[in-house]
Amino acid sequence: MTDKLPMEEYQAACLTPVGWVAIAATELAVTRVRILENRPRLIRNGENALANQACEALAGWLKGGDWPRFVALEPEGTVFQRRVWQALLDILPGQTRTYGALARELGSSPRAIGGACRSNPIPLLIPCHRVVAANGHGGFAGHTSGRWMDIKRWLLEHE
């Protein structure tokens, strides 16, 4: 989720209020979303309809439009991570859930939930930003301060 992955390639990218949003997708499913400070390198620019659709929908939402709902998400992760990410999809825009509440729901620990959120390969569409600490915002993308927390706060206020 961090912007320290300059060699990754994406099929679509759009400039949004939180930075460049880059999308990687197969023809059938979105596989990665990254929030970057700089415009990423694109491969097959404009050739992947799903990546383009996802990018347009995210940009629209981040500029005040409707929340994008994509059925076609294919995150790569462990069985546990996928369980957590599926639970995140049930948190509606404008709502939050604590790490502890998700941990109880999934029979896990808050730290494990935080680790799965940190590993989320499709942030924004799998809304890990909606998971917060019992006494504050918690973290975002493995950070508890700085640019990433500014983005999380912005996303929560935006919703």
Protein backbone atom coordinates (compact mmCIF):
# COMPACT_ATOMS: atom_id res chain seq x y z
CA MET A 1 0.00 0.00 0.00
CA THR A 2 2.97 2.32 0.40
CA ASP A 3 4.42 4.44 -2.35
CA LYS A 4 7.86 2.77 -2.14
CA LEU A 5 7.08 0.36 -4.99
CA PRO A 6 8.26 2.28 -8.07
CA MET A 7 8.88 -0.80 -10.20
CA GLU A 8 5.32 -2.13 -10.02
CA GLU A 9 3.29 -1.66 -13.14
CA TYR A 10 -0.35 -0.69 -13.41
CA GLN A 11 -2.99 -0.59 -16.10
CA ALA A 12 -4.63 2.68 -14.99
CA ALA A 13 -3.89 5.67 -12.78
CA CYS A 14 -5.73 8.81 -11.79
CA LEU A 15 -4.88 11.87 -9.76
CA THR A 16 -7.17 12.21 -6.72
CA PRO A 17 -7.32 14.32 -3.55
CA VAL A 18 -5.23 11.63 -1.73
CA GLY A 19 -2.58 11.36 -4.44
CA TRP A 20 -2.17 9.20 -7.51
CA VAL A 21 -4.32 6.08 -7.34
CA ALA A 22 -2.87 3.28 -9.43
CA ILE A 23 -4.85 0.17 -10.42
CA ALA A 24 -3.59 -3.25 -11.45
CA ALA A 25 -6.15 -5.69 -12.79
CA THR A 26 -6.64 -8.77 -14.87
CA GLU A 27 -9.45 -8.71 -17.40
CA LEU A 28 -11.72 -10.14 -14.67
CA ALA A 29 -10.69 -8.59 -11.34
CA VAL A 30 -8.85 -5.73 -9.65
CA THR A 31 -5.73 -7.18 -8.03
CA ARG A 32 -3.92 -4.13 -6.58
CA VAL A 33 -4.58 -0.52 -5.71
CA ARG A 34 -1.80 1.80 -4.59
CA ILE A 35 -1.84 5.36 -3.35
CA LEU A 36 1.28 7.07 -4.67
CA GLU A 37 2.83 10.51 -4.49
CA ASN A 38 4.03 10.41 -8.09
CA ARG A 39 2.44 9.29 -11.34
CA PRO A 40 3.18 5.57 -11.78
CA ARG A 41 4.43 3.86 -14.89
CA LEU A 42 1.56 2.32 -16.83
CA ILE A 43 1.57 -0.75 -19.01
CA ARG A 44 -1.02 -1.29 -21.69
CA ASN A 45 -2.37 2.18 -20.93
CA GLY A 46 -6.08 2.31 -21.65
CA GLU A 47 -6.32 -1.33 -22.69
CA ASN A 48 -7.79 -2.79 -19.50
CA ALA A 49 -11.45 -1.82 -19.24
CA LEU A 50 -11.82 -2.99 -15.64
CA ALA A 51 -8.76 -1.06 -14.46
CA ASN A 52 -10.04 2.05 -16.23
CA GLN A 53 -13.53 1.60 -14.73
CA ALA A 54 -12.08 1.14 -11.23
CA CYS A 55 -9.88 4.21 -11.60
CA GLU A 56 -12.74 6.39 -12.83
CA ALA A 57 -15.05 5.15 -10.06
CA LEU A 58 -12.47 5.74 -7.32
CA ALA A 59 -11.61 9.20 -8.65
CA GLY A 60 -15.31 10.06 -8.77
CA TRP A 61 -15.90 8.86 -5.23
CA LEU A 62 -12.87 10.72 -3.89
CA LYS A 63 -14.17 13.88 -5.54
CA GLY A 64 -17.60 13.55 -3.90
CA GLY A 65 -19.44 10.91 -5.94
CA ASP A 66 -20.95 7.58 -4.94
CA TRP A 67 -18.95 4.81 -3.24
CA PRO A 68 -17.64 2.41 -5.91
CA ARG A 69 -18.84 -1.16 -5.44
CA PHE A 70 -16.84 -3.76 -7.28
CA VAL A 71 -17.69 -7.42 -7.19
CA ALA A 72 -14.56 -8.22 -9.15
CA LEU A 73 -11.80 -7.99 -6.53
CA GLU A 74 -9.06 -10.59 -6.34
CA PRO A 75 -6.67 -9.78 -3.49
CA GLU A 76 -3.71 -12.08 -3.03
CA GLY A 77 -3.23 -13.12 0.59
CA THR A 78 -3.50 -15.83 3.20
CA VAL A 79 -6.78 -17.45 4.15
CA PHE A 80 -6.87 -15.34 7.32
CA GLN A 81 -6.12 -12.10 5.46
CA ARG A 82 -8.89 -12.85 2.97
CA ARG A 83 -11.34 -13.41 5.85
CA VAL A 84 -10.43 -10.04 7.31
CA TRP A 85 -10.65 -8.29 3.93
CA GLN A 86 -14.06 -9.84 3.33
CA ALA A 87 -15.22 -8.49 6.70
CA LEU A 88 -13.96 -5.03 5.73
CA LEU A 89 -16.26 -5.06 2.71
CA ASP A 90 -19.21 -5.20 5.13
CA ILE A 91 -18.25 -1.87 6.74
CA LEU A 92 -20.35 0.70 4.91
CA PRO A 93 -19.16 4.19 3.94
CA GLY A 94 -19.35 6.54 6.90
CA GLN A 95 -19.08 3.68 9.40
CA THR A 96 -16.06 2.41 11.30
CA ARG A 97 -15.29 -0.70 13.28
CA THR A 98 -12.53 -1.14 15.84
CA TYR A 99 -9.69 -3.61 15.52
CA GLY A 100 -11.00 -5.23 18.70
CA ALA A 101 -14.56 -5.61 17.42
CA LEU A 102 -13.33 -7.22 14.20
CA ALA A 103 -11.03 -9.47 16.21
CA ARG A 104 -13.92 -10.69 18.36
CA GLU A 105 -16.09 -11.21 15.29
CA LEU A 106 -13.38 -13.26 13.54
CA GLY A 107 -12.02 -15.05 16.62
CA SER A 108 -8.64 -13.38 16.39
CA SER A 109 -6.61 -10.61 18.00
CA PRO A 110 -6.61 -6.87 17.29
CA ARG A 111 -2.93 -7.04 16.33
CA ALA A 112 -3.63 -9.75 13.73
CA ILE A 113 -6.48 -7.64 12.32
CA GLY A 114 -4.09 -4.68 12.08
CA GLY A 115 -1.55 -6.86 10.27
CA ALA A 116 -4.15 -7.98 7.74
CA CYS A 117 -5.26 -4.38 7.19
CA ARG A 118 -1.63 -3.35 6.66
CA SER A 119 -1.25 -6.12 4.06
CA ASN A 120 -4.40 -5.15 2.15
CA PRO A 121 -3.42 -5.08 -1.54
CA ILE A 122 -6.61 -3.26 -2.59
CA PRO A 123 -7.00 -0.30 -0.21
CA LEU A 124 -9.88 2.08 -0.81
CA LEU A 125 -11.93 -0.65 -2.55
CA ILE A 126 -11.35 -2.97 0.43
CA PRO A 127 -11.83 -0.21 3.00
CA CYS A 128 -9.16 -0.83 5.64
CA HIS A 129 -9.30 2.90 6.43
CA ARG A 130 -12.62 2.22 8.20
CA VAL A 131 -10.90 0.16 10.90
CA VAL A 132 -9.92 2.29 13.88
CA ALA A 133 -8.42 1.88 17.32
CA ALA A 134 -10.68 1.93 20.38
CA ASN A 135 -9.08 5.23 21.42
CA GLY A 136 -8.37 6.95 18.10
CA HIS A 137 -7.70 6.43 14.43
CA GLY A 138 -5.14 3.62 14.80
CA GLY A 139 -2.87 3.30 11.79
CA PHE A 140 -2.94 3.24 8.01
CA ALA A 141 -0.59 1.46 5.65
CA GLY A 142 1.60 0.50 8.61
CA HIS A 143 1.98 4.11 9.79
CA THR A 144 0.59 5.89 12.83
CA SER A 145 1.60 9.43 11.84
CA GLY A 146 2.49 11.55 8.86
CA ARG A 147 1.13 11.47 5.32
CA TRP A 148 -0.62 8.11 5.66
CA MET A 149 -2.56 9.16 8.73
CA ASP A 150 -3.46 12.41 6.99
CA ILE A 151 -4.91 10.29 4.17
CA LYS A 152 -6.85 8.07 6.62
CA ARG A 153 -8.30 11.08 8.43
CA TRP A 154 -9.22 12.65 5.10
CA LEU A 155 -10.95 9.44 3.95
CA LEU A 156 -12.93 9.12 7.18
CA GLU A 157 -14.01 12.77 7.05
CA HIS A 158 -14.83 12.44 3.34
CA GLU A 159 -17.25 9.62 4.03
